[in-house]
N, C-alpha and C. Protein backbone atom coordinates (compact mmCIF):
# COMPACT_ATOMS: atom_id res chain seq x y z
N MET A 1 137.85 158.37 37.13
CA MET A 1 138.76 157.54 38.49
C MET A 1 140.25 158.25 38.88
N SER A 2 140.45 158.86 40.00
CA SER A 2 141.51 159.59 40.06
C SER A 2 143.01 158.63 40.69
N LEU A 3 142.62 157.43 41.17
CA LEU A 3 143.65 156.94 41.88
C LEU A 3 144.13 155.80 41.19
N ILE A 4 145.72 156.18 40.61
CA ILE A 4 146.70 155.12 40.01
C ILE A 4 147.38 154.33 40.70
N VAL A 5 147.57 153.00 40.60
CA VAL A 5 148.35 152.10 41.46
C VAL A 5 149.58 151.73 40.42
N TYR A 6 150.78 152.18 40.54
CA TYR A 6 151.86 151.72 39.90
C TYR A 6 152.50 150.46 40.64
N GLY A 7 152.47 148.99 39.85
CA GLY A 7 153.23 147.96 40.02
C GLY A 7 152.92 146.66 39.70
N ALA A 8 153.36 145.50 40.20
CA ALA A 8 153.35 144.39 39.59
C ALA A 8 152.43 143.67 40.55
N PRO A 9 151.61 142.83 40.00
CA PRO A 9 150.47 142.03 40.81
C PRO A 9 151.13 141.30 41.80
N LEU A 10 152.37 140.56 41.41
CA LEU A 10 152.83 139.37 42.04
C LEU A 10 153.86 139.94 43.27
N SER A 11 153.89 141.59 43.57
CA SER A 11 154.22 142.00 44.50
C SER A 11 153.50 141.74 45.73
N PRO A 12 154.07 141.57 46.81
CA PRO A 12 153.08 141.42 47.99
C PRO A 12 153.10 142.94 48.58
N PHE A 13 153.81 143.60 48.26
CA PHE A 13 153.56 145.20 49.07
C PHE A 13 152.36 145.88 47.34
N VAL A 14 152.50 145.37 46.66
CA VAL A 14 151.35 146.06 45.71
C VAL A 14 150.20 144.96 46.16
N ARG A 15 150.15 144.07 46.12
CA ARG A 15 148.83 143.41 46.57
C ARG A 15 148.26 144.16 47.99
N LYS A 16 149.29 144.00 49.09
CA LYS A 16 148.78 144.79 50.09
C LYS A 16 147.81 145.91 49.73
N LEU A 17 148.39 146.77 48.86
CA LEU A 17 147.74 148.22 48.73
C LEU A 17 146.44 147.68 47.81
N ARG A 18 146.50 147.03 46.84
CA ARG A 18 144.90 146.61 46.34
C ARG A 18 144.13 146.03 47.19
N LEU A 19 144.42 145.35 48.21
CA LEU A 19 143.38 144.73 49.09
C LEU A 19 142.96 145.90 50.00
N PHE A 20 143.89 146.60 50.64
CA PHE A 20 143.30 147.65 51.19
C PHE A 20 142.08 148.75 50.56
N LEU A 21 142.36 148.70 49.06
CA LEU A 21 141.50 149.35 48.37
C LEU A 21 140.38 148.69 48.20
N ALA A 22 140.51 147.70 48.04
CA ALA A 22 139.19 146.80 47.95
C ALA A 22 138.36 146.86 49.00
N GLU A 23 138.95 146.50 50.16
CA GLU A 23 138.35 146.36 51.54
C GLU A 23 137.75 148.11 51.85
N LYS A 24 138.14 148.93 51.15
CA LYS A 24 137.58 150.40 51.50
C LYS A 24 136.80 150.45 50.66
N GLY A 25 136.48 149.67 49.26
CA GLY A 25 135.30 150.20 48.31
C GLY A 25 136.19 151.18 47.34
N LEU A 26 137.46 151.30 47.11
CA LEU A 26 137.90 152.61 46.62
C LEU A 26 138.25 152.25 44.84
N ASP A 27 137.66 152.73 44.25
CA ASP A 27 138.34 152.48 42.90
C ASP A 27 139.54 152.71 42.43
N TYR A 28 140.29 152.10 41.64
CA TYR A 28 141.63 152.55 41.10
C TYR A 28 141.95 152.05 39.99
N GLN A 29 143.08 152.31 39.29
CA GLN A 29 143.66 151.82 38.00
C GLN A 29 144.99 151.33 38.28
N LEU A 30 145.09 150.04 37.62
CA LEU A 30 146.27 149.48 38.12
C LEU A 30 147.27 149.63 36.70
N GLU A 31 148.32 150.31 36.50
CA GLU A 31 149.42 150.48 35.55
C GLU A 31 150.47 149.83 36.05
N ILE A 32 150.96 148.65 35.10
CA ILE A 32 152.01 147.66 35.45
C ILE A 32 153.10 148.44 35.47
N ILE A 33 153.90 148.29 36.21
CA ILE A 33 155.35 148.67 36.62
C ILE A 33 155.79 147.59 37.28
N THR A 34 157.04 147.04 36.88
CA THR A 34 157.99 146.03 37.33
C THR A 34 158.86 146.51 38.16
N PRO A 35 159.80 145.84 39.19
CA PRO A 35 160.93 145.89 39.79
C PRO A 35 161.99 146.33 39.29
N PHE A 36 162.03 145.79 37.57
CA PHE A 36 163.24 145.86 36.58
C PHE A 36 162.85 146.37 35.35
N GLY A 37 163.67 147.22 34.56
CA GLY A 37 163.75 148.02 33.61
C GLY A 37 162.51 148.99 33.75
N GLN A 38 162.62 149.71 34.58
CA GLN A 38 161.67 150.62 34.73
C GLN A 38 161.63 151.94 34.06
N PRO A 39 160.83 152.74 33.50
CA PRO A 39 160.90 154.16 32.56
C PRO A 39 161.47 155.04 33.62
N GLU A 40 162.21 156.02 32.65
CA GLU A 40 162.85 156.79 33.83
C GLU A 40 161.82 158.02 34.77
N TRP A 41 160.77 158.06 34.19
CA TRP A 41 159.35 158.97 34.94
C TRP A 41 159.11 158.07 35.95
N TYR A 42 159.51 157.01 35.96
CA TYR A 42 158.53 156.34 37.36
C TYR A 42 159.21 156.76 38.51
N ARG A 43 160.71 157.21 38.52
CA ARG A 43 161.52 157.76 39.54
C ARG A 43 160.92 159.08 40.34
N GLU A 44 159.98 159.65 39.45
CA GLU A 44 159.63 160.64 40.23
C GLU A 44 158.46 160.57 40.80
N LEU A 45 158.03 159.44 40.60
CA LEU A 45 156.81 158.96 41.60
C LEU A 45 157.39 158.26 42.81
N SER A 46 158.70 157.22 42.47
CA SER A 46 159.16 156.52 43.64
C SER A 46 160.81 156.69 43.38
N PRO A 47 160.98 157.56 44.33
CA PRO A 47 162.38 157.80 44.09
C PRO A 47 163.61 156.64 44.32
N LEU A 48 163.12 155.81 44.81
CA LEU A 48 164.07 154.33 45.23
C LEU A 48 163.29 153.46 44.19
N GLY A 49 162.70 153.68 43.30
CA GLY A 49 162.28 152.64 42.13
C GLY A 49 161.59 151.30 42.63
N ARG A 50 160.71 151.46 43.69
CA ARG A 50 160.29 150.54 44.43
C ARG A 50 158.77 150.72 44.05
N ILE A 51 157.91 149.52 44.04
CA ILE A 51 156.60 149.51 44.03
C ILE A 51 155.94 149.06 45.26
N PRO A 52 154.77 149.72 45.21
CA PRO A 52 153.86 150.78 44.58
C PRO A 52 154.53 151.85 44.84
N ALA A 53 153.42 152.57 43.81
CA ALA A 53 153.62 154.03 44.13
C ALA A 53 152.19 154.12 43.72
N LEU A 54 151.53 155.50 43.85
CA LEU A 54 150.21 155.72 43.80
C LEU A 54 150.39 157.43 43.35
N LYS A 55 149.22 157.47 42.29
CA LYS A 55 148.82 158.93 41.88
C LYS A 55 147.49 159.14 42.21
N ASP A 56 147.53 160.27 43.08
CA ASP A 56 145.87 160.70 43.06
C ASP A 56 145.57 162.00 43.02
N GLY A 57 144.73 161.89 41.77
CA GLY A 57 144.87 163.41 41.19
C GLY A 57 146.31 164.04 40.62
N ASP A 58 146.77 165.27 41.42
CA ASP A 58 147.97 165.44 40.98
C ASP A 58 149.19 165.21 42.54
N PHE A 59 148.39 164.16 43.11
CA PHE A 59 149.40 163.93 44.38
C PHE A 59 150.13 162.64 43.95
N THR A 60 151.49 162.35 44.24
CA THR A 60 152.05 161.09 44.33
C THR A 60 152.53 160.78 45.71
N LEU A 61 152.90 159.58 45.81
CA LEU A 61 153.13 159.01 46.77
C LEU A 61 153.76 157.54 46.56
N ALA A 62 154.99 157.31 47.52
CA ALA A 62 155.40 155.86 47.01
C ALA A 62 155.37 155.24 48.64
N ASP A 63 155.55 153.65 48.44
CA ASP A 63 155.56 152.80 49.67
C ASP A 63 154.48 152.39 50.03
N SER A 64 154.22 151.23 50.11
CA SER A 64 152.69 150.59 50.44
C SER A 64 152.20 151.15 51.69
N SER A 65 152.82 150.86 52.97
CA SER A 65 152.40 151.38 54.28
C SER A 65 152.45 153.08 54.31
N VAL A 66 152.93 153.83 53.64
CA VAL A 66 152.73 155.45 53.63
C VAL A 66 151.44 155.54 52.74
N ILE A 67 151.16 155.05 51.68
CA ILE A 67 150.22 155.16 51.08
C ILE A 67 149.06 154.75 51.32
N CYS A 68 148.68 153.48 52.30
CA CYS A 68 147.77 152.97 52.92
C CYS A 68 147.38 154.18 54.42
N HIS A 69 148.55 154.52 54.66
CA HIS A 69 148.33 155.40 55.96
C HIS A 69 147.58 156.75 55.31
N TYR A 70 148.42 157.33 54.31
CA TYR A 70 147.75 158.38 53.66
C TYR A 70 145.81 158.17 53.39
N LEU A 71 145.61 156.74 52.83
CA LEU A 71 144.30 156.93 52.09
C LEU A 71 143.18 156.43 53.45
N GLU A 72 144.20 156.05 54.43
CA GLU A 72 143.21 155.77 55.90
C GLU A 72 142.87 157.13 56.17
N GLU A 73 143.64 158.30 56.43
CA GLU A 73 143.23 159.63 56.79
C GLU A 73 142.19 160.37 56.07
N LYS A 74 142.52 159.95 54.31
CA LYS A 74 141.84 160.84 53.67
C LYS A 74 140.17 160.46 53.82
N HIS A 75 139.85 159.13 54.05
CA HIS A 75 138.72 158.85 53.99
C HIS A 75 138.54 158.21 55.49
N PRO A 76 137.99 159.03 56.40
CA PRO A 76 137.96 158.48 57.40
C PRO A 76 136.36 158.21 57.70
N ASP A 77 135.74 158.56 56.85
CA ASP A 77 134.45 158.03 56.58
C ASP A 77 134.09 156.47 56.43
N LEU A 78 135.23 155.94 55.84
CA LEU A 78 135.33 154.59 55.44
C LEU A 78 135.83 153.35 56.97
N PRO A 79 135.64 152.37 57.02
CA PRO A 79 135.56 151.28 57.89
C PRO A 79 137.38 151.77 58.09
N PRO A 80 137.69 151.47 59.48
CA PRO A 80 139.37 151.65 59.57
C PRO A 80 139.82 150.33 59.23
N LEU A 81 141.06 150.07 58.77
CA LEU A 81 142.15 148.75 58.77
C LEU A 81 143.46 149.26 59.48
N TYR A 82 143.11 150.62 59.91
CA TYR A 82 144.37 150.75 61.06
C TYR A 82 143.95 150.87 62.59
N GLY A 83 142.80 150.22 62.88
CA GLY A 83 142.23 150.51 64.30
C GLY A 83 141.66 152.10 64.57
N SER A 84 141.07 151.85 65.46
CA SER A 84 140.28 153.35 66.14
C SER A 84 141.14 153.82 67.62
N THR A 85 141.64 152.86 67.95
CA THR A 85 142.49 153.78 69.29
C THR A 85 143.76 153.84 68.98
N PRO A 86 144.79 154.52 69.85
CA PRO A 86 146.04 154.46 69.81
C PRO A 86 146.89 152.94 70.11
N GLU A 87 145.82 152.31 70.94
CA GLU A 87 146.67 150.97 71.23
C GLU A 87 146.50 150.26 70.04
N GLN A 88 145.06 150.21 69.16
CA GLN A 88 144.86 149.54 68.09
C GLN A 88 145.98 149.42 67.24
N ARG A 89 146.05 150.90 66.94
CA ARG A 89 146.71 151.41 65.80
C ARG A 89 148.58 150.64 65.92
N ALA A 90 148.75 151.03 67.16
CA ALA A 90 150.10 150.52 67.34
C ALA A 90 150.57 149.28 67.29
N ARG A 91 149.35 148.50 67.52
CA ARG A 91 149.61 147.11 67.44
C ARG A 91 149.45 146.74 66.01
N ILE A 92 148.64 147.27 64.85
CA ILE A 92 148.27 147.34 63.62
C ILE A 92 150.04 147.36 63.21
N ASN A 93 150.32 148.59 63.50
CA ASN A 93 151.80 149.32 62.64
C ASN A 93 152.57 148.27 63.12
N TRP A 94 152.73 147.62 64.02
CA TRP A 94 154.00 146.61 64.76
C TRP A 94 154.05 145.47 63.62
N LEU A 95 152.83 144.85 63.56
CA LEU A 95 152.37 143.64 62.88
C LEU A 95 152.67 143.67 61.30
N GLU A 96 152.16 144.98 60.68
CA GLU A 96 152.57 145.51 59.53
C GLU A 96 154.13 145.56 59.34
N LYS A 97 154.53 146.21 59.96
CA LYS A 97 156.24 146.05 59.98
C LYS A 97 156.80 144.71 59.70
N TYR A 98 156.06 143.92 60.88
CA TYR A 98 156.43 142.62 61.06
C TYR A 98 156.74 141.92 59.87
N ALA A 99 155.65 141.76 59.04
CA ALA A 99 155.09 141.40 57.71
C ALA A 99 156.08 141.82 56.87
N ASP A 100 156.42 143.08 56.75
CA ASP A 100 157.26 143.43 55.83
C ASP A 100 158.85 143.71 55.92
N TYR A 101 159.14 143.65 56.98
CA TYR A 101 160.63 143.54 57.15
C TYR A 101 161.10 142.18 57.77
N GLU A 102 160.27 141.35 58.09
CA GLU A 102 160.66 140.14 59.00
C GLU A 102 160.19 138.74 57.98
N LEU A 103 159.21 139.20 57.61
CA LEU A 103 158.47 137.66 56.92
C LEU A 103 158.96 137.88 55.39
N ALA A 104 158.97 139.19 54.82
CA ALA A 104 159.01 139.44 53.40
C ALA A 104 160.42 139.35 53.04
N PRO A 105 161.76 139.20 53.77
CA PRO A 105 162.98 138.78 53.35
C PRO A 105 162.93 137.30 53.27
N LEU A 106 162.24 136.65 53.81
CA LEU A 106 162.38 135.05 53.61
C LEU A 106 161.05 134.50 52.93
N THR A 107 159.77 134.98 53.05
CA THR A 107 158.52 134.22 52.33
C THR A 107 159.10 134.96 50.71
N THR A 108 159.03 136.21 50.62
CA THR A 108 159.46 136.67 49.05
C THR A 108 160.65 136.80 48.57
N PHE A 109 161.47 137.34 49.40
CA PHE A 109 163.16 137.39 48.56
C PHE A 109 163.79 136.16 48.67
N ALA A 110 163.45 135.43 49.39
CA ALA A 110 163.93 134.03 49.56
C ALA A 110 163.33 132.65 48.49
N VAL A 111 162.08 132.37 49.06
CA VAL A 111 161.18 131.42 48.79
C VAL A 111 160.85 131.75 47.12
N PHE A 112 160.29 133.13 46.99
CA PHE A 112 159.58 133.06 45.88
C PHE A 112 160.39 134.12 44.77
N ARG A 113 161.14 134.46 45.16
CA ARG A 113 162.15 135.00 44.55
C ARG A 113 162.96 134.09 44.06
N ASN A 114 163.68 133.15 43.92
CA ASN A 114 164.48 131.83 43.78
C ASN A 114 163.67 131.07 43.15
N ARG A 115 162.43 130.69 43.47
CA ARG A 115 161.58 129.51 42.79
C ARG A 115 160.74 130.16 41.84
N VAL A 116 160.57 131.55 42.11
CA VAL A 116 159.64 131.85 40.75
C VAL A 116 160.34 132.94 39.57
N LEU A 117 161.03 133.97 40.33
CA LEU A 117 161.30 135.04 39.44
C LEU A 117 162.52 134.62 38.99
N LYS A 118 163.66 133.79 39.56
CA LYS A 118 164.85 133.73 39.09
C LYS A 118 164.77 132.57 37.70
N PRO A 119 163.98 131.88 38.01
CA PRO A 119 163.91 130.97 36.30
C PRO A 119 163.51 132.05 35.52
N THR A 120 162.83 133.10 35.67
CA THR A 120 162.37 133.77 34.28
C THR A 120 163.50 134.95 33.58
N MET A 121 164.16 134.75 34.64
CA MET A 121 165.64 135.65 34.31
C MET A 121 166.89 134.81 33.99
N GLN A 122 166.48 133.27 33.47
CA GLN A 122 167.70 132.60 33.56
C GLN A 122 168.96 132.66 34.56
N GLN A 123 168.48 132.49 35.85
CA GLN A 123 169.38 132.67 37.04
C GLN A 123 168.87 131.34 37.78
N PRO A 124 170.08 130.93 38.22
CA PRO A 124 169.54 129.46 38.94
C PRO A 124 168.97 129.81 40.46
N CYS A 125 168.06 128.96 40.89
CA CYS A 125 167.47 128.88 41.97
C CYS A 125 168.30 128.32 43.05
N ASP A 126 168.55 129.54 44.34
CA ASP A 126 169.62 129.28 45.53
C ASP A 126 168.29 128.32 46.33
N GLU A 127 168.54 127.02 45.80
CA GLU A 127 167.65 126.30 46.99
C GLU A 127 168.14 126.09 48.33
N THR A 128 169.40 126.26 48.36
CA THR A 128 169.92 126.28 50.00
C THR A 128 169.29 127.33 50.58
N ALA A 129 169.41 128.81 50.17
CA ALA A 129 168.64 129.79 50.72
C ALA A 129 167.04 129.32 50.92
N VAL A 130 166.25 128.86 50.17
CA VAL A 130 165.18 128.57 50.16
C VAL A 130 164.95 127.71 51.57
N GLN A 131 165.73 126.52 51.54
CA GLN A 131 165.40 125.66 52.67
C GLN A 131 166.20 126.25 53.84
N SER A 132 166.99 127.32 54.07
CA SER A 132 167.19 127.88 55.15
C SER A 132 166.12 128.68 55.54
N ALA A 133 165.37 129.24 54.79
CA ALA A 133 164.30 130.22 55.20
C ALA A 133 163.14 129.31 55.58
N LEU A 134 162.82 128.18 55.20
CA LEU A 134 161.86 127.58 55.32
C LEU A 134 162.25 126.70 56.48
N HIS A 135 163.15 126.31 57.06
CA HIS A 135 163.50 125.37 58.36
C HIS A 135 164.32 126.01 59.14
N ASP A 136 165.25 127.15 59.06
CA ASP A 136 166.06 127.59 59.86
C ASP A 136 165.19 129.21 60.39
N LYS A 137 164.32 129.60 59.76
CA LYS A 137 164.07 130.96 60.07
C LYS A 137 162.83 131.50 60.02
N LEU A 138 162.02 131.12 59.07
CA LEU A 138 160.60 131.39 59.18
C LEU A 138 159.80 130.79 60.59
N PRO A 139 160.15 129.11 60.86
CA PRO A 139 159.48 128.80 62.05
C PRO A 139 159.25 129.55 63.20
N SER A 140 160.43 130.35 63.70
CA SER A 140 160.46 131.05 65.05
C SER A 140 159.16 131.97 64.30
N HIS A 141 159.28 132.79 63.24
CA HIS A 141 158.53 133.82 63.07
C HIS A 141 156.75 133.40 63.11
N PHE A 142 156.77 132.06 62.33
CA PHE A 142 155.06 131.47 62.63
C PHE A 142 154.90 131.16 63.99
N ASP A 143 155.92 130.69 64.91
CA ASP A 143 155.54 130.50 66.25
C ASP A 143 154.94 131.77 67.07
N TYR A 144 155.71 132.98 66.98
CA TYR A 144 155.67 134.09 67.29
C TYR A 144 154.22 134.95 66.85
N LEU A 145 153.67 134.45 65.45
CA LEU A 145 152.59 135.12 65.15
C LEU A 145 151.43 133.98 65.63
N GLU A 146 151.48 133.05 65.79
CA GLU A 146 150.45 131.91 66.26
C GLU A 146 150.55 132.09 67.66
N LYS A 147 151.30 132.57 68.60
CA LYS A 147 151.08 133.09 70.05
C LYS A 147 150.67 134.28 70.04
N THR A 148 150.99 135.37 69.34
CA THR A 148 150.15 136.25 69.21
C THR A 148 148.79 136.35 68.57
N LEU A 149 148.40 135.37 67.93
CA LEU A 149 146.82 135.33 67.39
C LEU A 149 146.03 134.72 68.50
N GLY A 150 146.59 133.72 68.94
CA GLY A 150 145.94 133.26 69.89
C GLY A 150 144.78 132.50 69.47
N SER A 151 143.41 132.56 70.00
CA SER A 151 142.37 131.84 69.94
C SER A 151 141.44 133.02 68.77
N ALA A 152 141.42 133.92 68.77
CA ALA A 152 141.11 134.95 68.08
C ALA A 152 140.94 135.01 66.13
N ASP A 153 139.94 135.30 65.61
CA ASP A 153 139.83 135.52 64.19
C ASP A 153 140.61 136.23 63.92
N TYR A 154 141.03 137.59 64.18
CA TYR A 154 141.88 138.35 63.61
C TYR A 154 142.82 138.95 64.84
N PHE A 155 143.95 139.31 64.11
CA PHE A 155 145.14 139.80 65.14
C PHE A 155 144.82 140.62 66.34
N VAL A 156 144.22 141.67 65.92
CA VAL A 156 143.88 143.03 66.66
C VAL A 156 142.47 143.38 66.97
N ASP A 157 141.95 142.93 68.35
CA ASP A 157 140.70 143.05 68.43
C ASP A 157 139.78 142.42 67.98
N ASN A 158 140.07 141.15 67.29
CA ASN A 158 139.08 140.07 66.81
C ASN A 158 138.27 141.00 65.35
N GLN A 159 139.27 141.90 64.79
CA GLN A 159 138.71 142.87 63.74
C GLN A 159 139.60 142.54 62.61
N LEU A 160 139.07 142.22 61.46
CA LEU A 160 140.25 142.85 60.33
C LEU A 160 140.93 143.92 60.02
N SER A 161 142.19 143.71 60.03
CA SER A 161 143.04 145.10 59.79
C SER A 161 144.12 144.77 58.85
N MET A 162 144.83 146.12 58.67
CA MET A 162 146.18 145.79 57.85
C MET A 162 147.30 144.58 58.44
N ALA A 163 147.21 144.58 59.59
CA ALA A 163 148.11 143.50 60.42
C ALA A 163 147.28 141.82 59.52
N ASP A 164 146.28 141.73 59.37
CA ASP A 164 145.88 140.51 58.80
C ASP A 164 145.95 140.51 57.07
N LEU A 165 146.16 141.59 56.79
CA LEU A 165 146.34 141.78 55.26
C LEU A 165 147.74 141.55 55.03
N ALA A 166 148.77 142.39 55.64
CA ALA A 166 150.10 142.50 55.39
C ALA A 166 150.78 141.14 55.66
N ILE A 167 150.06 140.28 56.66
CA ILE A 167 150.95 139.04 56.79
C ILE A 167 150.19 138.04 55.62
N SER A 168 149.16 137.99 55.51
CA SER A 168 148.43 137.14 54.39
C SER A 168 149.24 137.33 52.99
N CYS A 169 149.46 138.56 52.52
CA CYS A 169 150.00 139.02 51.59
C CYS A 169 151.50 138.10 51.34
N GLN A 170 151.96 137.94 52.34
CA GLN A 170 153.22 137.22 52.67
C GLN A 170 153.41 135.71 52.56
N LEU A 171 152.41 135.20 52.89
CA LEU A 171 152.00 133.69 53.28
C LEU A 171 151.48 133.60 51.38
N ILE A 172 150.73 134.52 51.13
CA ILE A 172 150.11 133.81 49.55
C ILE A 172 151.68 134.00 48.62
N ASN A 173 152.76 134.75 48.85
CA ASN A 173 154.23 134.64 48.21
C ASN A 173 154.37 133.38 48.51
N LEU A 174 154.40 132.85 49.64
CA LEU A 174 155.08 131.66 50.32
C LEU A 174 154.29 130.43 49.10
N GLU A 175 153.27 130.45 48.87
CA GLU A 175 152.28 129.71 47.93
C GLU A 175 152.98 129.82 46.62
N HIS A 176 152.95 131.09 46.08
CA HIS A 176 153.04 131.18 45.02
C HIS A 176 154.49 130.77 44.97
N GLY A 177 155.30 130.45 45.87
CA GLY A 177 156.78 129.48 45.88
C GLY A 177 156.71 128.30 45.94
N GLY A 178 155.72 128.02 45.91
CA GLY A 178 155.59 126.40 46.25
C GLY A 178 155.17 125.59 47.49
N GLU A 179 155.26 126.33 48.73
CA GLU A 179 155.29 126.18 50.12
C GLU A 179 154.10 126.43 50.81
N HIS A 180 153.65 125.69 51.98
CA HIS A 180 152.28 126.13 52.57
C HIS A 180 152.63 126.02 53.94
N LEU A 181 151.91 126.98 54.64
CA LEU A 181 151.88 126.93 56.07
C LEU A 181 151.49 125.66 56.44
N ASP A 182 152.08 124.79 57.39
CA ASP A 182 152.05 123.68 57.91
C ASP A 182 150.63 124.04 59.17
N SER A 183 149.54 123.50 58.82
CA SER A 183 148.52 124.00 59.25
C SER A 183 148.48 123.02 60.99
N GLN A 184 149.10 121.81 61.01
CA GLN A 184 149.47 121.19 61.94
C GLN A 184 149.90 121.57 63.22
N ARG A 185 151.29 122.52 62.49
CA ARG A 185 151.83 123.16 63.53
C ARG A 185 151.15 124.46 63.97
N TRP A 186 150.78 125.00 63.06
CA TRP A 186 150.47 126.49 63.27
C TRP A 186 148.77 126.59 63.05
N PRO A 187 147.89 125.86 63.62
CA PRO A 187 146.78 125.96 63.18
C PRO A 187 145.84 127.23 63.49
N GLN A 188 146.06 128.14 64.23
CA GLN A 188 145.51 129.14 64.17
C GLN A 188 145.54 130.27 63.08
N LEU A 189 147.13 130.36 62.82
CA LEU A 189 147.68 131.21 62.00
C LEU A 189 147.41 130.71 60.51
N ALA A 190 147.13 129.17 60.39
CA ALA A 190 146.52 128.68 59.10
C ALA A 190 144.87 129.26 58.65
N ASN A 191 144.49 129.22 60.23
CA ASN A 191 143.00 129.15 60.05
C ASN A 191 142.75 130.79 59.58
N LEU A 192 143.44 131.60 60.00
CA LEU A 192 143.48 133.18 59.59
C LEU A 192 143.56 133.22 58.09
N PHE A 193 144.59 132.49 57.82
CA PHE A 193 144.99 132.75 56.38
C PHE A 193 143.91 132.58 55.25
N ALA A 194 143.29 130.83 55.81
CA ALA A 194 142.10 130.82 55.15
C ALA A 194 141.16 131.61 55.13
N ARG A 195 140.96 132.37 56.07
CA ARG A 195 139.78 132.96 56.19
C ARG A 195 140.32 134.36 55.34
N VAL A 196 141.43 135.04 55.19
CA VAL A 196 141.66 135.89 54.56
C VAL A 196 141.70 135.94 53.01
N LYS A 197 141.90 134.81 52.94
CA LYS A 197 142.11 134.61 51.14
C LYS A 197 140.51 134.00 51.26
N ALA A 198 139.50 133.80 51.83
CA ALA A 198 138.37 133.93 51.17
C ALA A 198 137.50 135.08 51.20
N ARG A 199 138.15 136.02 51.49
CA ARG A 199 137.29 137.07 51.34
C ARG A 199 137.15 137.67 50.17
N PRO A 200 136.51 138.51 49.37
CA PRO A 200 136.29 139.00 48.09
C PRO A 200 137.38 139.58 47.64
N SER A 201 137.73 140.49 48.62
CA SER A 201 139.30 141.13 48.39
C SER A 201 140.15 140.59 47.67
N VAL A 202 140.37 139.50 48.33
CA VAL A 202 141.65 138.51 48.11
C VAL A 202 141.33 137.60 46.96
N GLN A 203 139.78 137.14 46.46
CA GLN A 203 139.56 136.43 45.55
C GLN A 203 139.49 136.93 44.24
N ALA A 204 139.52 138.39 44.18
CA ALA A 204 139.40 139.31 43.21
C ALA A 204 140.66 139.25 42.25
N VAL A 205 141.69 139.21 43.17
CA VAL A 205 143.00 139.16 42.56
C VAL A 205 143.91 138.04 42.22
N LEU A 206 143.47 137.17 43.14
CA LEU A 206 144.29 135.94 43.00
C LEU A 206 144.17 134.98 41.46
N PRO A 207 142.84 135.11 40.95
CA PRO A 207 142.89 134.71 39.69
C PRO A 207 144.03 135.24 38.67
N GLY A 208 144.15 136.36 38.64
CA GLY A 208 144.67 137.37 37.75
C GLY A 208 146.22 136.99 38.09
N GLU A 209 146.78 136.66 39.47
CA GLU A 209 148.06 136.42 39.92
C GLU A 209 148.64 134.98 39.23
N LEU A 210 147.32 133.66 39.78
CA LEU A 210 147.59 132.47 39.16
C LEU A 210 147.91 132.55 37.45
N ARG A 211 147.23 133.50 36.39
CA ARG A 211 147.22 133.21 35.22
C ARG A 211 148.85 134.04 35.07
N THR A 212 149.45 134.99 35.80
CA THR A 212 150.54 135.37 35.47
C THR A 212 151.49 134.48 36.08
N LEU A 213 151.44 133.75 36.94
CA LEU A 213 152.36 132.62 37.31
C LEU A 213 152.40 131.73 36.53
N ALA A 214 151.54 131.56 35.94
CA ALA A 214 151.27 130.05 34.94
C ALA A 214 152.04 130.43 33.58
N LYS A 215 152.22 131.77 33.22
CA LYS A 215 153.02 132.53 32.08
C LYS A 215 154.39 132.26 32.62
N LEU A 216 154.36 132.68 33.64
CA LEU A 216 155.97 132.99 33.93
C LEU A 216 156.67 131.62 34.00
N SER A 217 155.63 130.48 34.15
CA SER A 217 156.77 129.17 34.41
C SER A 217 156.19 128.62 33.20
N GLY A 218 155.49 129.14 31.90
CA GLY A 218 155.23 128.32 30.90
C GLY A 218 154.28 127.39 30.89
N LYS A 219 153.55 127.60 31.55
CA LYS A 219 152.37 126.51 31.77
C LYS A 219 151.17 126.91 31.25
N ALA A 220 151.22 128.21 30.88
CA ALA A 220 149.64 128.94 30.53
C ALA A 220 149.49 128.25 28.77
């Protein structure tokens, strides 16, 4: 097995890469590297110390989106997850970036980080920041995504793509933080999320993530 993924399962960016690999049918080995207390050698793979990183034989690469684009181009024979036309690729890239740069600061770094990670480091949860993310900031993003999705099953030309995976990865971290998407207010987005969560790729990683959450909370 030549592909090695470095990262921690609860990271939405590591999850995004793992789902990409699963949907492509590409085997890989996961080596746990957390965002904290990383070994010095990891900086050779990821100069900024971010996760995930990838090793493909002698070739190394960092950043989830860059890695996924690399693998998409390396395996053109596999079903595409970044579309097959310039228009599709542009829309998918936009929505992936939207998930990583607009949703992540709220779902992951506000809700999940405060509710899940900070307690494990004996740091207080900033519930004010959590509530601001939930009530002041996320609704407008969910409104936009609900409108963009419309009545389709998937975001771009009704086919599963990285847009669906990236957005769902952020919604999973929202759930890990104890919150759920309001299916009454955003029914189409909620249906998409349920559809993606039911896929074998997601079902293969979620049980392990839930076990990790239980250990972190002391409920295991």
